[in-house]
């Protein structure tokens, strides 16, 4: 069994609690579906968001999902870098799996597809 990282990112159109929570769940579910991961295989989830998003903690949305109560979650705010993608939420999921790193399917949704067009083209 190996510990692998799965990356994902999405964007929201406004700094609004419900949209942040909804987009976080959409991104998480897409990562889980594409990688056939169960919550008990998750070691931890690291969540970051750009500094222009402060209406809520995205981890709140994950914590409310059935089966995710014991998964360690960490939220942080990204540094404001000139030219960075605004209103962006990123996830890094650490998972125990037999799959190789090349088999991990990273997910980029909405405007976050611009971050990794090489991965977005085949998965969105």
PDB file of N, CA and C in Angstrom:
ATOM      1  N   UNK A   1       0.859  -1.178   0.000  1.00  0.00           N
ATOM      2  CA  UNK A   1       0.000   0.000   0.000  1.00  0.00           C
ATOM      3  C   UNK A   1       0.898   1.233   0.000  1.00  0.00           C
ATOM      4  N   UNK A   2       0.532   2.194  -0.814  1.00  0.00           N
ATOM      5  CA  UNK A   2       1.279   3.436  -0.953  1.00  0.00           C
ATOM      6  C   UNK A   2       0.416   4.614  -0.532  1.00  0.00           C
ATOM      7  N   UNK A   3       1.057   5.695  -0.122  1.00  0.00           N
ATOM      8  CA  UNK A   3       0.350   6.936   0.156  1.00  0.00           C
ATOM      9  C   UNK A   3       0.544   7.838  -1.055  1.00  0.00           C
ATOM     10  N   UNK A   4      -0.560   8.176  -1.712  1.00  0.00           N
ATOM     11  CA  UNK A   4      -0.511   8.996  -2.921  1.00  0.00           C
ATOM     12  C   UNK A   4      -1.280  10.291  -2.724  1.00  0.00           C
ATOM     13  N   UNK A   5      -0.892  11.294  -3.464  1.00  0.00           N
ATOM     14  CA  UNK A   5      -1.588  12.572  -3.431  1.00  0.00           C
ATOM     15  C   UNK A   5      -2.432  12.756  -4.677  1.00  0.00           C
ATOM     16  N   UNK A   6      -3.626  13.266  -4.476  1.00  0.00           N
ATOM     17  CA  UNK A   6      -4.512  13.603  -5.588  1.00  0.00           C
ATOM     18  C   UNK A   6      -4.825  15.094  -5.480  1.00  0.00           C
ATOM     19  N   UNK A   7      -4.542  15.831  -6.542  1.00  0.00           N
ATOM     20  CA  UNK A   7      -4.760  17.272  -6.553  1.00  0.00           C
ATOM     21  C   UNK A   7      -6.089  17.610  -7.201  1.00  0.00           C
ATOM     22  N   UNK A   8      -6.639  18.729  -6.772  1.00  0.00           N
ATOM     23  CA  UNK A   8      -7.845  19.237  -7.408  1.00  0.00           C
ATOM     24  C   UNK A   8      -7.988  20.716  -7.122  1.00  0.00           C
ATOM     25  N   UNK A   9      -8.680  21.395  -8.024  1.00  0.00           N
ATOM     26  CA  UNK A   9      -8.941  22.823  -7.826  1.00  0.00           C
ATOM     27  C   UNK A   9     -10.218  23.206  -8.549  1.00  0.00           C
ATOM     28  N   UNK A  10     -10.860  24.221  -8.026  1.00  0.00           N
ATOM     29  CA  UNK A  10     -12.051  24.795  -8.641  1.00  0.00           C
ATOM     30  C   UNK A  10     -12.088  26.272  -8.316  1.00  0.00           C
ATOM     31  N   UNK A  11     -13.008  26.963  -8.921  1.00  0.00           N
ATOM     32  CA  UNK A  11     -13.188  28.381  -8.634  1.00  0.00           C
ATOM     33  C   UNK A  11     -14.658  28.662  -8.338  1.00  0.00           C
ATOM     34  N   UNK A  12     -14.882  29.777  -7.684  1.00  0.00           N
ATOM     35  CA  UNK A  12     -16.238  30.261  -7.433  1.00  0.00           C
ATOM     36  C   UNK A  12     -16.373  31.627  -8.099  1.00  0.00           C
ATOM     37  N   UNK A  13     -17.608  32.056  -8.283  1.00  0.00           N
ATOM     38  CA  UNK A  13     -17.831  33.349  -8.924  1.00  0.00           C
ATOM     39  C   UNK A  13     -17.961  34.485  -7.926  1.00  0.00           C
ATOM     40  N   UNK A  14     -18.222  34.109  -6.656  1.00  0.00           N
ATOM     41  CA  UNK A  14     -18.319  35.142  -5.627  1.00  0.00           C
ATOM     42  C   UNK A  14     -17.909  34.594  -4.268  1.00  0.00           C
ATOM     43  N   UNK A  15     -17.485  35.485  -3.399  1.00  0.00           N
ATOM     44  CA  UNK A  15     -17.069  35.141  -2.048  1.00  0.00           C
ATOM     45  C   UNK A  15     -18.325  34.996  -1.183  1.00  0.00           C
ATOM     46  N   UNK A  16     -19.009  33.867  -1.365  1.00  0.00           N
ATOM     47  CA  UNK A  16     -20.285  33.622  -0.695  1.00  0.00           C
ATOM     48  C   UNK A  16     -20.272  32.226  -0.090  1.00  0.00           C
ATOM     49  N   UNK A  17     -20.698  32.125   1.145  1.00  0.00           N
ATOM     50  CA  UNK A  17     -20.602  30.880   1.903  1.00  0.00           C
ATOM     51  C   UNK A  17     -21.166  29.669   1.162  1.00  0.00           C
ATOM     52  N   UNK A  18     -22.393  29.751   0.701  1.00  0.00           N
ATOM     53  CA  UNK A  18     -23.022  28.586   0.068  1.00  0.00           C
ATOM     54  C   UNK A  18     -22.305  28.158  -1.198  1.00  0.00           C
ATOM     55  N   UNK A  19     -21.828  29.106  -1.988  1.00  0.00           N
ATOM     56  CA  UNK A  19     -21.108  28.750  -3.216  1.00  0.00           C
ATOM     57  C   UNK A  19     -19.772  28.089  -2.889  1.00  0.00           C
ATOM     58  N   UNK A  20     -19.068  28.599  -1.904  1.00  0.00           N
ATOM     59  CA  UNK A  20     -17.788  27.995  -1.503  1.00  0.00           C
ATOM     60  C   UNK A  20     -18.013  26.560  -1.026  1.00  0.00           C
ATOM     61  N   UNK A  21     -19.010  26.364  -0.179  1.00  0.00           N
ATOM     62  CA  UNK A  21     -19.300  25.018   0.338  1.00  0.00           C
ATOM     63  C   UNK A  21     -19.737  24.081  -0.788  1.00  0.00           C
ATOM     64  N   UNK A  22     -20.594  24.544  -1.660  1.00  0.00           N
ATOM     65  CA  UNK A  22     -21.096  23.725  -2.759  1.00  0.00           C
ATOM     66  C   UNK A  22     -19.981  23.317  -3.728  1.00  0.00           C
ATOM     67  N   UNK A  23     -19.155  24.259  -4.117  1.00  0.00           N
ATOM     68  CA  UNK A  23     -18.060  23.959  -5.050  1.00  0.00           C
ATOM     69  C   UNK A  23     -17.016  23.042  -4.423  1.00  0.00           C
ATOM     70  N   UNK A  24     -16.797  23.183  -3.126  1.00  0.00           N
ATOM     71  CA  UNK A  24     -15.859  22.290  -2.437  1.00  0.00           C
ATOM     72  C   UNK A  24     -16.357  20.853  -2.487  1.00  0.00           C
ATOM     73  N   UNK A  25     -17.641  20.652  -2.216  1.00  0.00           N
ATOM     74  CA  UNK A  25     -18.227  19.304  -2.257  1.00  0.00           C
ATOM     75  C   UNK A  25     -18.214  18.758  -3.689  1.00  0.00           C
ATOM     76  N   UNK A  26     -18.541  19.585  -4.663  1.00  0.00           N
ATOM     77  CA  UNK A  26     -18.513  19.143  -6.059  1.00  0.00           C
ATOM     78  C   UNK A  26     -17.118  18.660  -6.441  1.00  0.00           C
ATOM     79  N   UNK A  27     -16.108  19.432  -6.089  1.00  0.00           N
ATOM     80  CA  UNK A  27     -14.725  19.058  -6.397  1.00  0.00           C
ATOM     81  C   UNK A  27     -14.342  17.774  -5.686  1.00  0.00           C
ATOM     82  N   UNK A  28     -14.620  17.690  -4.406  1.00  0.00           N
ATOM     83  CA  UNK A  28     -14.275  16.490  -3.636  1.00  0.00           C
ATOM     84  C   UNK A  28     -14.949  15.252  -4.221  1.00  0.00           C
ATOM     85  N   UNK A  29     -16.230  15.332  -4.502  1.00  0.00           N
ATOM     86  CA  UNK A  29     -16.955  14.179  -5.051  1.00  0.00           C
ATOM     87  C   UNK A  29     -16.398  13.748  -6.404  1.00  0.00           C
ATOM     88  N   UNK A  30     -16.003  14.705  -7.208  1.00  0.00           N
ATOM     89  CA  UNK A  30     -15.429  14.381  -8.519  1.00  0.00           C
ATOM     90  C   UNK A  30     -14.082  13.671  -8.357  1.00  0.00           C
ATOM     91  N   UNK A  31     -13.265  14.131  -7.440  1.00  0.00           N
ATOM     92  CA  UNK A  31     -11.979  13.471  -7.175  1.00  0.00           C
ATOM     93  C   UNK A  31     -12.220  12.046  -6.689  1.00  0.00           C
ATOM     94  N   UNK A  32     -13.127  11.882  -5.747  1.00  0.00           N
ATOM     95  CA  UNK A  32     -13.418  10.573  -5.168  1.00  0.00           C
ATOM     96  C   UNK A  32     -13.983   9.625  -6.222  1.00  0.00           C
ATOM     97  N   UNK A  33     -14.897  10.118  -7.045  1.00  0.00           N
ATOM     98  CA  UNK A  33     -15.503   9.287  -8.088  1.00  0.00           C
ATOM     99  C   UNK A  33     -14.469   8.854  -9.121  1.00  0.00           C
ATOM    100  N   UNK A  34     -13.703   9.791  -9.624  1.00  0.00           N
ATOM    101  CA  UNK A  34     -12.723   9.472 -10.673  1.00  0.00           C
ATOM    102  C   UNK A  34     -11.634   8.520 -10.190  1.00  0.00           C
ATOM    103  N   UNK A  35     -11.366   8.540  -8.883  1.00  0.00           N
ATOM    104  CA  UNK A  35     -10.295   7.704  -8.346  1.00  0.00           C
ATOM    105  C   UNK A  35     -10.797   6.490  -7.567  1.00  0.00           C
ATOM    106  N   UNK A  36     -12.109   6.327  -7.486  1.00  0.00           N
ATOM    107  CA  UNK A  36     -12.726   5.204  -6.760  1.00  0.00           C
ATOM    108  C   UNK A  36     -12.142   5.064  -5.358  1.00  0.00           C
ATOM    109  N   UNK A  37     -12.174   6.172  -4.625  1.00  0.00           N
ATOM    110  CA  UNK A  37     -11.616   6.229  -3.272  1.00  0.00           C
ATOM    111  C   UNK A  37     -12.745   6.207  -2.246  1.00  0.00           C
ATOM    112  N   UNK A  38     -12.535   5.480  -1.172  1.00  0.00           N
ATOM    113  CA  UNK A  38     -13.475   5.435  -0.049  1.00  0.00           C
ATOM    114  C   UNK A  38     -12.915   6.305   1.085  1.00  0.00           C
ATOM    115  N   UNK A  39     -13.778   6.927   1.883  1.00  0.00           N
ATOM    116  CA  UNK A  39     -13.277   7.774   2.977  1.00  0.00           C
ATOM    117  C   UNK A  39     -12.288   7.066   3.912  1.00  0.00           C
ATOM    118  N   UNK A  40     -12.468   5.769   4.161  1.00  0.00           N
ATOM    119  CA  UNK A  40     -11.541   5.083   5.076  1.00  0.00           C
ATOM    120  C   UNK A  40     -10.138   4.932   4.491  1.00  0.00           C
ATOM    121  N   UNK A  41      -9.979   5.183   3.173  1.00  0.00           N
ATOM    122  CA  UNK A  41      -8.654   5.133   2.540  1.00  0.00           C
ATOM    123  C   UNK A  41      -7.941   6.489   2.587  1.00  0.00           C
ATOM    124  N   UNK A  42      -8.643   7.525   3.030  1.00  0.00           N
ATOM    125  CA  UNK A  42      -8.089   8.875   3.045  1.00  0.00           C
ATOM    126  C   UNK A  42      -7.254   9.086   4.309  1.00  0.00           C
ATOM    127  N   UNK A  43      -6.026   9.546   4.125  1.00  0.00           N
ATOM    128  CA  UNK A  43      -5.158   9.878   5.263  1.00  0.00           C
ATOM    129  C   UNK A  43      -5.453  11.286   5.769  1.00  0.00           C
ATOM    130  N   UNK A  44      -5.578  12.227   4.834  1.00  0.00           N
ATOM    131  CA  UNK A  44      -5.862  13.612   5.199  1.00  0.00           C
ATOM    132  C   UNK A  44      -6.223  14.398   3.949  1.00  0.00           C
ATOM    133  N   UNK A  45      -6.816  15.567   4.180  1.00  0.00           N
ATOM    134  CA  UNK A  45      -7.147  16.484   3.097  1.00  0.00           C
ATOM    135  C   UNK A  45      -6.626  17.860   3.475  1.00  0.00           C
ATOM    136  N   UNK A  46      -5.825  18.434   2.597  1.00  0.00           N
ATOM    137  CA  UNK A  46      -5.323  19.780   2.775  1.00  0.00           C
ATOM    138  C   UNK A  46      -6.113  20.672   1.834  1.00  0.00           C
ATOM    139  N   UNK A  47      -6.717  21.721   2.365  1.00  0.00           N
ATOM    140  CA  UNK A  47      -7.555  22.632   1.598  1.00  0.00           C
ATOM    141  C   UNK A  47      -6.939  24.020   1.662  1.00  0.00           C
ATOM    142  N   UNK A  48      -6.740  24.625   0.505  1.00  0.00           N
ATOM    143  CA  UNK A  48      -6.307  26.020   0.486  1.00  0.00           C
ATOM    144  C   UNK A  48      -7.286  26.817  -0.355  1.00  0.00           C
ATOM    145  N   UNK A  49      -7.314  28.105  -0.093  1.00  0.00           N
ATOM    146  CA  UNK A  49      -8.101  28.995  -0.936  1.00  0.00           C
ATOM    147  C   UNK A  49      -7.376  30.321  -1.032  1.00  0.00           C
ATOM    148  N   UNK A  50      -7.634  31.011  -2.120  1.00  0.00           N
ATOM    149  CA  UNK A  50      -6.990  32.293  -2.328  1.00  0.00           C
ATOM    150  C   UNK A  50      -7.484  33.293  -1.280  1.00  0.00           C
ATOM    151  N   UNK A  51      -6.670  34.306  -1.040  1.00  0.00           N
ATOM    152  CA  UNK A  51      -6.965  35.229   0.061  1.00  0.00           C
ATOM    153  C   UNK A  51      -8.183  36.115  -0.192  1.00  0.00           C
ATOM    154  N   UNK A  52      -8.771  36.048  -1.383  1.00  0.00           N
ATOM    155  CA  UNK A  52      -9.990  36.816  -1.653  1.00  0.00           C
ATOM    156  C   UNK A  52     -11.251  36.054  -1.245  1.00  0.00           C
ATOM    157  N   UNK A  53     -11.087  34.857  -0.697  1.00  0.00           N
ATOM    158  CA  UNK A  53     -12.216  34.067  -0.204  1.00  0.00           C
ATOM    159  C   UNK A  53     -12.119  33.967   1.320  1.00  0.00           C
ATOM    160  N   UNK A  54     -13.078  34.556   2.000  1.00  0.00           N
ATOM    161  CA  UNK A  54     -13.054  34.520   3.464  1.00  0.00           C
ATOM    162  C   UNK A  54     -14.452  34.382   4.070  1.00  0.00           C
ATOM    163  N   UNK A  55     -15.424  33.959   3.265  1.00  0.00           N
ATOM    164  CA  UNK A  55     -16.801  33.860   3.755  1.00  0.00           C
ATOM    165  C   UNK A  55     -17.033  32.632   4.636  1.00  0.00           C
ATOM    166  N   UNK A  56     -16.207  31.598   4.484  1.00  0.00           N
ATOM    167  CA  UNK A  56     -16.357  30.375   5.275  1.00  0.00           C
ATOM    168  C   UNK A  56     -15.131  29.495   5.119  1.00  0.00           C
ATOM    169  N   UNK A  57     -15.062  28.456   5.917  1.00  0.00           N
ATOM    170  CA  UNK A  57     -14.028  27.432   5.788  1.00  0.00           C
ATOM    171  C   UNK A  57     -14.555  26.322   4.876  1.00  0.00           C
ATOM    172  N   UNK A  58     -13.889  26.002   3.779  1.00  0.00           N
ATOM    173  CA  UNK A  58     -14.352  24.914   2.913  1.00  0.00           C
ATOM    174  C   UNK A  58     -14.426  23.568   3.642  1.00  0.00           C
ATOM    175  N   UNK A  59     -13.631  23.382   4.657  1.00  0.00           N
ATOM    176  CA  UNK A  59     -13.654  22.127   5.416  1.00  0.00           C
ATOM    177  C   UNK A  59     -15.026  21.857   6.034  1.00  0.00           C
ATOM    178  N   UNK A  60     -15.782  22.891   6.302  1.00  0.00           N
ATOM    179  CA  UNK A  60     -17.130  22.706   6.860  1.00  0.00           C
ATOM    180  C   UNK A  60     -17.974  21.816   5.957  1.00  0.00           C
ATOM    181  N   UNK A  61     -17.854  22.005   4.653  1.00  0.00           N
ATOM    182  CA  UNK A  61     -18.641  21.208   3.707  1.00  0.00           C
ATOM    183  C   UNK A  61     -18.232  19.738   3.753  1.00  0.00           C
ATOM    184  N   UNK A  62     -16.945  19.488   3.848  1.00  0.00           N
ATOM    185  CA  UNK A  62     -16.445  18.110   3.871  1.00  0.00           C
ATOM    186  C   UNK A  62     -16.827  17.432   5.178  1.00  0.00           C
ATOM    187  N   UNK A  63     -16.708  18.140   6.269  1.00  0.00           N
ATOM    188  CA  UNK A  63     -17.003  17.579   7.589  1.00  0.00           C
ATOM    189  C   UNK A  63     -18.453  17.102   7.686  1.00  0.00           C
ATOM    190  N   UNK A  64     -19.347  17.687   6.913  1.00  0.00           N
ATOM    191  CA  UNK A  64     -20.761  17.325   6.964  1.00  0.00           C
ATOM    192  C   UNK A  64     -21.103  16.099   6.113  1.00  0.00           C
ATOM    193  N   UNK A  65     -20.173  15.622   5.313  1.00  0.00           N
ATOM    194  CA  UNK A  65     -20.435  14.453   4.473  1.00  0.00           C
ATOM    195  C   UNK A  65     -20.377  13.175   5.293  1.00  0.00           C
ATOM    196  N   UNK A  66     -21.287  12.267   5.032  1.00  0.00           N
ATOM    197  CA  UNK A  66     -21.308  10.994   5.749  1.00  0.00           C
ATOM    198  C   UNK A  66     -20.024  10.215   5.474  1.00  0.00           C
ATOM    199  N   UNK A  67     -19.416   9.710   6.548  1.00  0.00           N
ATOM    200  CA  UNK A  67     -18.190   8.933   6.437  1.00  0.00           C
ATOM    201  C   UNK A  67     -16.911   9.744   6.538  1.00  0.00           C
ATOM    202  N   UNK A  68     -17.021  11.064   6.552  1.00  0.00           N
ATOM    203  CA  UNK A  68     -15.832  11.928   6.569  1.00  0.00           C
ATOM    204  C   UNK A  68     -15.562  12.529   7.942  1.00  0.00           C
ATOM    205  N   UNK A  69     -16.295  12.092   8.961  1.00  0.00           N
ATOM    206  CA  UNK A  69     -16.180  12.683  10.290  1.00  0.00           C
ATOM    207  C   UNK A  69     -14.782  12.542  10.898  1.00  0.00           C
ATOM    208  N   UNK A  70     -14.081  11.458  10.579  1.00  0.00           N
ATOM    209  CA  UNK A  70     -12.780  11.192  11.191  1.00  0.00           C
ATOM    210  C   UNK A  70     -11.593  11.542  10.299  1.00  0.00           C
ATOM    211  N   UNK A  71     -11.852  12.004   9.081  1.00  0.00           N
ATOM    212  CA  UNK A  71     -10.764  12.357   8.169  1.00  0.00           C
ATOM    213  C   UNK A  71     -10.133  13.674   8.627  1.00  0.00           C
ATOM    214  N   UNK A  72      -8.822  13.705   8.851  1.00  0.00           N
ATOM    215  CA  UNK A  72      -8.161  14.957   9.232  1.00  0.00           C
ATOM    216  C   UNK A  72      -8.222  15.972   8.093  1.00  0.00           C
ATOM    217  N   UNK A  73      -8.663  17.180   8.419  1.00  0.00           N
ATOM    218  CA  UNK A  73      -8.780  18.256   7.441  1.00  0.00           C
ATOM    219  C   UNK A  73      -7.965  19.451   7.907  1.00  0.00           C
ATOM    220  N   UNK A  74      -7.335  20.128   6.973  1.00  0.00           N
ATOM    221  CA  UNK A  74      -6.579  21.333   7.293  1.00  0.00           C
ATOM    222  C   UNK A  74      -6.891  22.384   6.252  1.00  0.00           C
ATOM    223  N   UNK A  75      -7.283  23.574   6.706  1.00  0.00           N
ATOM    224  CA  UNK A  75      -7.556  24.711   5.820  1.00  0.00           C
ATOM    225  C   UNK A  75      -6.462  25.753   5.979  1.00  0.00           C
ATOM    226  N   UNK A  76      -6.101  26.381   4.869  1.00  0.00           N
ATOM    227  CA  UNK A  76      -5.173  27.500   4.938  1.00  0.00           C
ATOM    228  C   UNK A  76      -5.466  28.467   3.800  1.00  0.00           C
ATOM    229  N   UNK A  77      -4.930  29.663   3.932  1.00  0.00           N
ATOM    230  CA  UNK A  77      -5.094  30.703   2.922  1.00  0.00           C
ATOM    231  C   UNK A  77      -3.781  30.832   2.164  1.00  0.00           C
ATOM    232  N   UNK A  78      -3.893  30.923   0.847  1.00  0.00           N
ATOM    233  CA  UNK A  78      -2.709  31.062   0.002  1.00  0.00           C
ATOM    234  C   UNK A  78      -2.167  32.489   0.063  1.00  0.00           C
ATOM    235  N   UNK A  79      -0.902  32.635  -0.209  1.00  0.00           N
ATOM    236  CA  UNK A  79      -0.309  33.971  -0.243  1.00  0.00           C
ATOM    237  C   UNK A  79      -0.804  34.700  -1.498  1.00  0.00           C
ATOM    238  N   UNK A  80      -0.979  36.016  -1.404  1.00  0.00           N
ATOM    239  CA  UNK A  80      -1.472  36.776  -2.559  1.00  0.00           C
ATOM    240  C   UNK A  80      -0.343  37.036  -3.562  1.00  0.00           C
ATOM    241  N   UNK A  81      -0.298  36.242  -4.611  1.00  0.00           N
ATOM    242  CA  UNK A  81       0.726  36.392  -5.636  1.00  0.00           C
ATOM    243  C   UNK A  81       0.110  37.121  -6.830  1.00  0.00           C
ATOM    244  N   UNK A  82       0.793  38.147  -7.294  1.00  0.00           N
ATOM    245  CA  UNK A  82       0.291  38.916  -8.428  1.00  0.00           C
ATOM    246  C   UNK A  82       0.101  38.002  -9.632  1.00  0.00           C
ATOM    247  N   UNK A  83      -1.080  38.104 -10.254  1.00  0.00           N
ATOM    248  CA  UNK A  83      -1.367  37.301 -11.433  1.00  0.00           C
ATOM    249  C   UNK A  83      -1.927  35.916 -11.152  1.00  0.00           C
ATOM    250  N   UNK A  84      -2.097  35.570  -9.867  1.00  0.00           N
ATOM    251  CA  UNK A  84      -2.637  34.247  -9.545  1.00  0.00           C
ATOM    252  C   UNK A  84      -4.126  34.193  -9.848  1.00  0.00           C
ATOM    253  N   UNK A  85      -4.634  32.987 -10.008  1.00  0.00           N
ATOM    254  CA  UNK A  85      -6.046  32.770 -10.299  1.00  0.00           C
ATOM    255  C   UNK A  85      -6.890  33.184  -9.097  1.00  0.00           C
ATOM    256  N   UNK A  86      -7.845  34.090  -9.271  1.00  0.00           N
ATOM    257  CA  UNK A  86      -8.660  34.533  -8.141  1.00  0.00           C
ATOM    258  C   UNK A  86      -9.756  33.536  -7.786  1.00  0.00           C
ATOM    259  N   UNK A  87     -10.256  33.654  -6.569  1.00  0.00           N
ATOM    260  CA  UNK A  87     -11.394  32.893  -6.056  1.00  0.00           C
ATOM    261  C   UNK A  87     -11.247  31.392  -6.322  1.00  0.00           C
ATOM    262  N   UNK A  88     -10.112  30.872  -5.915  1.00  0.00           N
ATOM    263  CA  UNK A  88      -9.759  29.482  -6.189  1.00  0.00           C
ATOM    264  C   UNK A  88      -9.671  28.660  -4.900  1.00  0.00           C
ATOM    265  N   UNK A  89     -10.220  27.475  -4.954  1.00  0.00           N
ATOM    266  CA  UNK A  89     -10.173  26.506  -3.854  1.00  0.00           C
ATOM    267  C   UNK A  89      -9.394  25.296  -4.364  1.00  0.00           C
ATOM    268  N   UNK A  90      -8.416  24.852  -3.583  1.00  0.00           N
ATOM    269  CA  UNK A  90      -7.609  23.688  -3.983  1.00  0.00           C
ATOM    270  C   UNK A  90      -7.695  22.617  -2.901  1.00  0.00           C
ATOM    271  N   UNK A  91      -7.653  21.378  -3.338  1.00  0.00           N
ATOM    272  CA  UNK A  91      -7.610  20.238  -2.423  1.00  0.00           C
ATOM    273  C   UNK A  91      -6.398  19.381  -2.747  1.00  0.00           C
ATOM    274  N   UNK A  92      -5.762  18.868  -1.716  1.00  0.00           N
ATOM    275  CA  UNK A  92      -4.730  17.833  -1.857  1.00  0.00           C
ATOM    276  C   UNK A  92      -5.173  16.699  -0.948  1.00  0.00           C
ATOM    277  N   UNK A  93      -5.574  15.599  -1.554  1.00  0.00           N
ATOM    278  CA  UNK A  93      -6.059  14.453  -0.799  1.00  0.00           C
ATOM    279  C   UNK A  93      -4.954  13.406  -0.746  1.00  0.00           C
ATOM    280  N   UNK A  94      -4.592  12.998   0.454  1.00  0.00           N
ATOM    281  CA  UNK A  94      -3.594  11.938   0.662  1.00  0.00           C
ATOM    282  C   UNK A  94      -4.372  10.640   0.869  1.00  0.00           C
ATOM    283  N   UNK A  95      -4.100   9.655   0.033  1.00  0.00           N
ATOM    284  CA  UNK A  95      -4.878   8.425   0.058  1.00  0.00           C
ATOM    285  C   UNK A  95      -3.959   7.200   0.086  1.00  0.00           C
ATOM    286  N   UNK A  96      -4.365   6.180   0.843  1.00  0.00           N
ATOM    287  CA  UNK A  96      -3.671   4.895   0.825  1.00  0.00           C
ATOM    288  C   UNK A  96      -4.243   4.064  -0.313  1.00  0.00           C
ATOM    289  N   UNK A  97      -3.373   3.591  -1.188  1.00  0.00           N
ATOM    290  CA  UNK A  97      -3.832   2.877  -2.375  1.00  0.00           C
ATOM    291  C   UNK A  97      -2.740   1.974  -2.928  1.00  0.00           C
ATOM    292  N   UNK A  98      -3.149   1.032  -3.739  1.00  0.00           N
ATOM    293  CA  UNK A  98      -2.212   0.187  -4.482  1.00  0.00           C
ATOM    294  C   UNK A  98      -1.897   0.797  -5.844  1.00  0.00           C
ATOM    295  N   UNK A  99      -2.623   1.842  -6.234  1.00  0.00           N
ATOM    296  CA  UNK A  99      -2.431   2.479  -7.534  1.00  0.00           C
ATOM    297  C   UNK A  99      -1.108   3.223  -7.588  1.00  0.00           C
ATOM    298  N   UNK A 100      -0.562   3.320  -8.794  1.00  0.00           N
ATOM    299  CA  UNK A 100       0.652   4.108  -8.993  1.00  0.00           C
ATOM    300  C   UNK A 100       0.310   5.586  -9.038  1.00  0.00           C
ATOM    301  N   UNK A 101       1.310   6.440  -8.898  1.00  0.00           N
ATOM    302  CA  UNK A 101       1.074   7.875  -8.974  1.00  0.00           C
ATOM    303  C   UNK A 101       0.495   8.256 -10.331  1.00  0.00           C
ATOM    304  N   UNK A 102       0.927   7.578 -11.383  1.00  0.00           N
ATOM    305  CA  UNK A 102       0.416   7.862 -12.732  1.00  0.00           C
ATOM    306  C   UNK A 102      -1.063   7.521 -12.881  1.00  0.00           C
ATOM    307  N   UNK A 103      -1.577   6.638 -12.052  1.00  0.00           N
ATOM    308  CA  UNK A 103      -2.992   6.252 -12.115  1.00  0.00           C
ATOM    309  C   UNK A 103      -3.908   7.239 -11.385  1.00  0.00           C
ATOM    310  N   UNK A 104      -3.338   8.126 -10.589  1.00  0.00           N
ATOM    311  CA  UNK A 104      -4.142   9.109  -9.875  1.00  0.00           C
ATOM    312  C   UNK A 104      -4.725  10.092 -10.882  1.00  0.00           C
ATOM    313  N   UNK A 105      -6.012  10.374 -10.736  1.00  0.00           N
ATOM    314  CA  UNK A 105      -6.708  11.281 -11.652  1.00  0.00           C
ATOM    315  C   UNK A 105      -6.976  12.601 -10.930  1.00  0.00           C
ATOM    316  N   UNK A 106      -6.222  13.604 -11.300  1.00  0.00           N
ATOM    317  CA  UNK A 106      -6.348  14.932 -10.712  1.00  0.00           C
ATOM    318  C   UNK A 106      -7.505  15.655 -11.392  1.00  0.00           C
ATOM    319  N   UNK A 107      -8.153  16.552 -10.661  1.00  0.00           N
ATOM    320  CA  UNK A 107      -9.384  17.169 -11.155  1.00  0.00           C
ATOM    321  C   UNK A 107      -9.294  18.689 -11.072  1.00  0.00           C
ATOM    322  N   UNK A 108      -9.557  19.336 -12.188  1.00  0.00           N
ATOM    323  CA  UNK A 108      -9.591  20.798 -12.257  1.00  0.00           C
ATOM    324  C   UNK A 108     -10.909  21.215 -12.891  1.00  0.00           C
ATOM    325  N   UNK A 109     -11.686  22.012 -12.166  1.00  0.00           N
ATOM    326  CA  UNK A 109     -13.010  22.418 -12.607  1.00  0.00           C
ATOM    327  C   UNK A 109     -13.091  23.937 -12.784  1.00  0.00           C
ATOM    328  N   UNK A 110     -14.084  24.366 -13.533  1.00  0.00           N
ATOM    329  CA  UNK A 110     -14.349  25.791 -13.743  1.00  0.00           C
ATOM    330  C   UNK A 110     -13.099  26.501 -14.267  1.00  0.00           C
ATOM    331  N   UNK A 111     -12.823  27.714 -13.806  1.00  0.00           N
ATOM    332  CA  UNK A 111     -11.650  28.449 -14.282  1.00  0.00           C
ATOM    333  C   UNK A 111     -10.337  27.826 -13.830  1.00  0.00           C
ATOM    334  N   UNK A 112     -10.376  26.930 -12.858  1.00  0.00           N
ATOM    335  CA  UNK A 112      -9.150  26.270 -12.386  1.00  0.00           C
ATOM    336  C   UNK A 112      -8.557  25.359 -13.461  1.00  0.00           C
ATOM    337  N   UNK A 113      -9.303  25.065 -14.499  1.00  0.00           N
ATOM    338  CA  UNK A 113      -8.754  24.279 -15.621  1.00  0.00           C
ATOM    339  C   UNK A 113      -7.531  24.975 -16.218  1.00  0.00           C
ATOM    340  N   UNK A 114      -7.470  26.294 -16.095  1.00  0.00           N
ATOM    341  CA  UNK A 114      -6.341  27.062 -16.615  1.00  0.00           C
ATOM    342  C   UNK A 114      -5.040  26.713 -15.895  1.00  0.00           C
ATOM    343  N   UNK A 115      -5.151  26.241 -14.657  1.00  0.00           N
ATOM    344  CA  UNK A 115      -3.956  25.909 -13.868  1.00  0.00           C
ATOM    345  C   UNK A 115      -3.208  24.720 -14.444  1.00  0.00           C
ATOM    346  N   UNK A 116      -3.945  23.723 -14.913  1.00  0.00           N
ATOM    347  CA  UNK A 116      -3.335  22.502 -15.461  1.00  0.00           C
ATOM    348  C   UNK A 116      -4.112  22.032 -16.689  1.00  0.00           C
ATOM    349  N   UNK A 117      -4.011  22.757 -17.798  1.00  0.00           N
ATOM    350  CA  UNK A 117      -4.743  22.353 -18.991  1.00  0.00           C
ATOM    351  C   UNK A 117      -4.332  20.962 -19.476  1.00  0.00           C
ATOM    352  N   UNK A 118      -3.102  20.558 -19.183  1.00  0.00           N
ATOM    353  CA  UNK A 118      -2.649  19.223 -19.579  1.00  0.00           C
ATOM    354  C   UNK A 118      -3.443  18.128 -18.887  1.00  0.00           C
ATOM    355  N   UNK A 119      -3.888  18.361 -17.663  1.00  0.00           N
ATOM    356  CA  UNK A 119      -4.689  17.383 -16.935  1.00  0.00           C
ATOM    357  C   UNK A 119      -6.182  17.611 -17.176  1.00  0.00           C
ATOM    358  N   UNK A 120      -6.583  18.834 -17.375  1.00  0.00           N
ATOM    359  CA  UNK A 120      -7.992  19.165 -17.522  1.00  0.00           C
ATOM    360  C   UNK A 120      -8.583  18.655 -18.827  1.00  0.00           C
ATOM    361  N   UNK A 121      -7.803  18.670 -19.897  1.00  0.00           N
ATOM    362  CA  UNK A 121      -8.326  18.296 -21.209  1.00  0.00           C
ATOM    363  C   UNK A 121      -8.864  16.877 -21.241  1.00  0.00           C
ATOM    364  N   UNK A 122      -8.194  15.964 -20.547  1.00  0.00           N
ATOM    365  CA  UNK A 122      -8.604  14.562 -20.599  1.00  0.00           C
ATOM    366  C   UNK A 122      -9.607  14.193 -19.515  1.00  0.00           C
ATOM    367  N   UNK A 123      -9.848  15.095 -18.563  1.00  0.00           N
ATOM    368  CA  UNK A 123     -10.709  14.723 -17.440  1.00  0.00           C
ATOM    369  C   UNK A 123     -11.958  15.573 -17.306  1.00  0.00           C
ATOM    370  N   UNK A 124     -12.124  16.598 -18.086  1.00  0.00           N
ATOM    371  CA  UNK A 124     -13.303  17.464 -17.950  1.00  0.00           C
ATOM    372  C   UNK A 124     -14.066  17.549 -19.240  1.00  0.00           C
TER     373      UNK A 124
END
